[in-house]
C-alpha atoms as a PDB file:
ATOM      1  CA  UNK A   1      21.418  93.164 -21.214  1.00  0.00           C
ATOM      2  CA  UNK A   2      18.926  91.065 -19.505  1.00  0.00           C
ATOM      3  CA  UNK A   3      19.543  87.594 -18.140  1.00  0.00           C
ATOM      4  CA  UNK A   4      16.720  85.193 -18.298  1.00  0.00           C
ATOM      5  CA  UNK A   5      16.996  82.902 -15.375  1.00  0.00           C
ATOM      6  CA  UNK A   6      14.312  80.468 -14.693  1.00  0.00           C
ATOM      7  CA  UNK A   7      13.491  79.953 -11.158  1.00  0.00           C
ATOM      8  CA  UNK A   8      12.287  76.449 -10.378  1.00  0.00           C
ATOM      9  CA  UNK A   9       9.199  76.235  -8.297  1.00  0.00           C
ATOM     10  CA  UNK A  10       9.502  74.564  -4.943  1.00  0.00           C
ATOM     11  CA  UNK A  11       9.468  70.967  -6.152  1.00  0.00           C
ATOM     12  CA  UNK A  12      11.762  68.295  -4.875  1.00  0.00           C
ATOM     13  CA  UNK A  13      14.242  66.889  -7.385  1.00  0.00           C
ATOM     14  CA  UNK A  14      12.698  63.414  -7.330  1.00  0.00           C
ATOM     15  CA  UNK A  15       9.151  64.465  -8.179  1.00  0.00           C
ATOM     16  CA  UNK A  16       9.811  64.902 -11.896  1.00  0.00           C
ATOM     17  CA  UNK A  17      10.498  61.626 -13.672  1.00  0.00           C
ATOM     18  CA  UNK A  18      11.634  59.569 -10.707  1.00  0.00           C
ATOM     19  CA  UNK A  19       8.297  59.457  -8.847  1.00  0.00           C
ATOM     20  CA  UNK A  20       6.324  57.796 -11.670  1.00  0.00           C
ATOM     21  CA  UNK A  21       9.069  55.171 -12.022  1.00  0.00           C
ATOM     22  CA  UNK A  22       8.939  54.412  -8.308  1.00  0.00           C
ATOM     23  CA  UNK A  23       5.157  54.159  -8.412  1.00  0.00           C
ATOM     24  CA  UNK A  24       5.295  51.884 -11.446  1.00  0.00           C
ATOM     25  CA  UNK A  25       7.918  49.691  -9.801  1.00  0.00           C
ATOM     26  CA  UNK A  26       5.840  49.492  -6.593  1.00  0.00           C
ATOM     27  CA  UNK A  27       2.765  48.531  -8.589  1.00  0.00           C
ATOM     28  CA  UNK A  28       4.707  45.828 -10.451  1.00  0.00           C
ATOM     29  CA  UNK A  29       6.043  44.417  -7.176  1.00  0.00           C
ATOM     30  CA  UNK A  30       2.552  44.414  -5.644  1.00  0.00           C
ATOM     31  CA  UNK A  31       1.050  42.663  -8.689  1.00  0.00           C
ATOM     32  CA  UNK A  32       3.882  40.104  -8.746  1.00  0.00           C
ATOM     33  CA  UNK A  33       3.505  39.385  -5.037  1.00  0.00           C
ATOM     34  CA  UNK A  34      -0.267  39.053  -5.411  1.00  0.00           C
ATOM     35  CA  UNK A  35       0.080  36.628  -8.312  1.00  0.00           C
ATOM     36  CA  UNK A  36       2.626  34.561  -6.408  1.00  0.00           C
ATOM     37  CA  UNK A  37       0.362  34.386  -3.340  1.00  0.00           C
ATOM     38  CA  UNK A  38      -2.616  33.504  -5.527  1.00  0.00           C
ATOM     39  CA  UNK A  39      -0.678  30.654  -7.176  1.00  0.00           C
ATOM     40  CA  UNK A  40       0.523  29.426  -3.773  1.00  0.00           C
ATOM     41  CA  UNK A  41      -3.004  29.538  -2.354  1.00  0.00           C
ATOM     42  CA  UNK A  42      -4.335  27.667  -5.387  1.00  0.00           C
ATOM     43  CA  UNK A  43      -1.689  24.954  -4.951  1.00  0.00           C
ATOM     44  CA  UNK A  44      -2.592  24.554  -1.278  1.00  0.00           C
ATOM     45  CA  UNK A  45      -6.312  24.365  -2.075  1.00  0.00           C
ATOM     46  CA  UNK A  46      -5.734  21.805  -4.833  1.00  0.00           C
ATOM     47  CA  UNK A  47      -3.598  19.710  -2.499  1.00  0.00           C
ATOM     48  CA  UNK A  48      -6.212  19.855   0.279  1.00  0.00           C
ATOM     49  CA  UNK A  49      -9.026  19.004  -2.158  1.00  0.00           C
ATOM     50  CA  UNK A  50      -6.999  16.099  -3.512  1.00  0.00           C
ATOM     51  CA  UNK A  51      -6.434  14.776  -0.006  1.00  0.00           C
ATOM     52  CA  UNK A  52     -10.161  15.138   0.728  1.00  0.00           C
ATOM     53  CA  UNK A  53     -11.048  13.241  -2.453  1.00  0.00           C
ATOM     54  CA  UNK A  54      -8.545  10.520  -1.552  1.00  0.00           C
ATOM     55  CA  UNK A  55     -10.153  10.125   1.882  1.00  0.00           C
ATOM     56  CA  UNK A  56     -13.617   9.976   0.302  1.00  0.00           C
ATOM     57  CA  UNK A  57     -12.449   7.343  -2.204  1.00  0.00           C
ATOM     58  CA  UNK A  58     -10.881   5.292   0.591  1.00  0.00           C
ATOM     59  CA  UNK A  59     -14.148   5.399   2.590  1.00  0.00           C
ATOM     60  CA  UNK A  60     -16.151   4.376  -0.490  1.00  0.00           C
ATOM     61  CA  UNK A  61     -13.752   1.515  -1.254  1.00  0.00           C
ATOM     62  CA  UNK A  62     -13.912   0.393   2.376  1.00  0.00           C
ATOM     63  CA  UNK A  63     -17.713   0.408   2.320  1.00  0.00           C
ATOM     64  CA  UNK A  64     -17.794  -1.460  -0.982  1.00  0.00           C
ATOM     65  CA  UNK A  65     -15.373  -4.090   0.337  1.00  0.00           C
ATOM     66  CA  UNK A  66     -17.506  -4.584   3.447  1.00  0.00           C
ATOM     67  CA  UNK A  67     -20.745  -4.878   1.458  1.00  0.00           C
ATOM     68  CA  UNK A  68     -19.225  -7.312  -1.041  1.00  0.00           C
ATOM     69  CA  UNK A  69     -17.804  -9.414   1.792  1.00  0.00           C
ATOM     70  CA  UNK A  70     -21.251  -9.546   3.414  1.00  0.00           C
ATOM     71  CA  UNK A  71     -22.873 -10.551   0.092  1.00  0.00           C
ATOM     72  CA  UNK A  72     -20.230 -13.245  -0.368  1.00  0.00           C
ATOM     73  CA  UNK A  73     -21.182 -14.597   3.055  1.00  0.00           C
ATOM     74  CA  UNK A  74     -24.842 -14.610   2.020  1.00  0.00           C
ATOM     75  CA  UNK A  75     -23.997 -16.545  -1.148  1.00  0.00           C
ATOM     76  CA  UNK A  76     -22.058 -19.108   0.892  1.00  0.00           C
ATOM     77  CA  UNK A  77     -25.045 -19.486   3.221  1.00  0.00           C
ATOM     78  CA  UNK A  78     -27.380 -20.033   0.258  1.00  0.00           C
ATOM     79  CA  UNK A  79     -24.992 -22.508  -1.379  1.00  0.00           C
ATOM     80  CA  UNK A  80     -24.680 -24.562   1.826  1.00  0.00           C
ATOM     81  CA  UNK A  81     -28.444 -24.808   2.372  1.00  0.00           C
ATOM     82  CA  UNK A  82     -29.595 -28.412   1.784  1.00  0.00           C
ATOM     83  CA  UNK A  83     -33.103 -27.389   0.736  1.00  0.00           C
ATOM     84  CA  UNK A  84     -31.731 -25.142  -2.016  1.00  0.00           C
ATOM     85  CA  UNK A  85     -29.343 -27.862  -3.188  1.00  0.00           C
ATOM     86  CA  UNK A  86     -31.501 -30.989  -2.919  1.00  0.00           C
ATOM     87  CA  UNK A  87     -35.121 -29.854  -2.415  1.00  0.00           C
ATOM     88  CA  UNK A  88     -37.947 -29.784  -4.913  1.00  0.00           C
ATOM     89  CA  UNK A  89     -38.807 -26.491  -6.665  1.00  0.00           C
ATOM     90  CA  UNK A  90     -41.640 -25.625  -4.279  1.00  0.00           C
ATOM     91  CA  UNK A  91     -39.436 -26.132  -1.199  1.00  0.00           C
ATOM     92  CA  UNK A  92     -36.680 -24.073  -2.843  1.00  0.00           C
ATOM     93  CA  UNK A  93     -39.107 -21.258  -3.673  1.00  0.00           C
ATOM     94  CA  UNK A  94     -40.439 -21.247  -0.101  1.00  0.00           C
ATOM     95  CA  UNK A  95     -36.886 -21.132   1.309  1.00  0.00           C
ATOM     96  CA  UNK A  96     -35.910 -18.328  -1.076  1.00  0.00           C
ATOM     97  CA  UNK A  97     -38.927 -16.278   0.015  1.00  0.00           C
ATOM     98  CA  UNK A  98     -37.884 -16.747   3.647  1.00  0.00           C
ATOM     99  CA  UNK A  99     -34.389 -15.559   2.756  1.00  0.00           C
ATOM    100  CA  UNK A 100     -35.795 -12.570   0.882  1.00  0.00           C
ATOM    101  CA  UNK A 101     -37.756 -11.516   3.985  1.00  0.00           C
ATOM    102  CA  UNK A 102     -34.658 -11.958   6.128  1.00  0.00           C
ATOM    103  CA  UNK A 103     -32.309 -10.277   3.650  1.00  0.00           C
ATOM    104  CA  UNK A 104     -34.517  -7.339   2.628  1.00  0.00           C
ATOM    105  CA  UNK A 105     -31.820  -5.719   0.470  1.00  0.00           C
ATOM    106  CA  UNK A 106     -32.161  -8.377  -2.244  1.00  0.00           C
ATOM    107  CA  UNK A 107     -34.784  -7.550  -4.840  1.00  0.00           C
ATOM    108  CA  UNK A 108     -34.726 -11.067  -6.303  1.00  0.00           C
ATOM    109  CA  UNK A 109     -33.154 -14.405  -5.365  1.00  0.00           C
ATOM    110  CA  UNK A 110     -33.112 -17.447  -7.597  1.00  0.00           C
ATOM    111  CA  UNK A 111     -31.640 -20.930  -7.978  1.00  0.00           C
ATOM    112  CA  UNK A 112     -30.504 -22.376 -11.294  1.00  0.00           C
ATOM    113  CA  UNK A 113     -29.680 -25.873 -12.430  1.00  0.00           C
ATOM    114  CA  UNK A 114     -26.344 -26.863 -13.978  1.00  0.00           C
ATOM    115  CA  UNK A 115     -27.428 -25.621 -17.399  1.00  0.00           C
ATOM    116  CA  UNK A 116     -28.361 -22.187 -16.068  1.00  0.00           C
ATOM    117  CA  UNK A 117     -32.139 -22.673 -16.177  1.00  0.00           C
ATOM    118  CA  UNK A 118     -33.913 -21.032 -13.243  1.00  0.00           C
ATOM    119  CA  UNK A 119     -35.597 -23.729 -11.173  1.00  0.00           C
ATOM    120  CA  UNK A 120     -36.800 -21.596  -8.242  1.00  0.00           C
ATOM    121  CA  UNK A 121     -37.040 -17.896  -7.512  1.00  0.00           C
ATOM    122  CA  UNK A 122     -38.661 -15.426  -5.163  1.00  0.00           C
ATOM    123  CA  UNK A 123     -40.737 -13.830  -7.938  1.00  0.00           C
ATOM    124  CA  UNK A 124     -42.420 -16.510 -10.005  1.00  0.00           C
ATOM    125  CA  UNK A 125     -44.284 -13.996 -12.175  1.00  0.00           C
ATOM    126  CA  UNK A 126     -41.013 -12.919 -13.773  1.00  0.00           C
ATOM    127  CA  UNK A 127     -40.337 -16.428 -15.113  1.00  0.00           C
ATOM    128  CA  UNK A 128     -43.473 -18.528 -15.586  1.00  0.00           C
ATOM    129  CA  UNK A 129     -41.420 -21.589 -16.588  1.00  0.00           C
ATOM    130  CA  UNK A 130     -39.767 -21.897 -13.169  1.00  0.00           C
ATOM    131  CA  UNK A 131     -39.832 -25.396 -11.790  1.00  0.00           C
ATOM    132  CA  UNK A 132     -41.613 -26.851 -14.809  1.00  0.00           C
ATOM    133  CA  UNK A 133     -40.090 -28.557 -17.794  1.00  0.00           C
ATOM    134  CA  UNK A 134     -41.557 -27.563 -21.127  1.00  0.00           C
ATOM    135  CA  UNK A 135     -42.704 -30.148 -23.638  1.00  0.00           C
ATOM    136  CA  UNK A 136     -39.464 -29.740 -25.645  1.00  0.00           C
ATOM    137  CA  UNK A 137     -37.299 -30.162 -22.529  1.00  0.00           C
ATOM    138  CA  UNK A 138     -39.174 -33.315 -21.548  1.00  0.00           C
ATOM    139  CA  UNK A 139     -38.441 -34.698 -25.018  1.00  0.00           C
ATOM    140  CA  UNK A 140     -34.804 -33.655 -24.802  1.00  0.00           C
ATOM    141  CA  UNK A 141     -35.113 -30.580 -27.063  1.00  0.00           C
ATOM    142  CA  UNK A 142     -34.418 -26.942 -26.309  1.00  0.00           C
ATOM    143  CA  UNK A 143     -36.534 -25.301 -23.661  1.00  0.00           C
ATOM    144  CA  UNK A 144     -37.915 -21.812 -23.251  1.00  0.00           C
ATOM    145  CA  UNK A 145     -35.676 -19.608 -21.096  1.00  0.00           C
END
């Protein structure tokens, strides 16, 4: 009678099915940790970018407010000028050209009458009817605008 006894090679008990489970669990933990850190980093970057955009928007709004306030001051100066209010069209045109040289950032400056007709401007070539009444306007009819 012969007994068949298997002799196990020199392997630790945990190397069979336990080792792959441990490796799989370690991999899952590493992937989960990586994803969590990636999401956290993304949230921080989005928050920082949002704060940067808010600062940029605040600077732009501040600049726009300053520029509009300066233009409002220019308009008040023009409106208070006696030549532009009471002068003849040639005097008004001359004054507007002086203002255009002084305030270089304006591409065009003009003065209108109560009906909205341009009576003086810095660029006469754009509106040849400036300062002159047409035949219809002199007769009380509609004019060319």
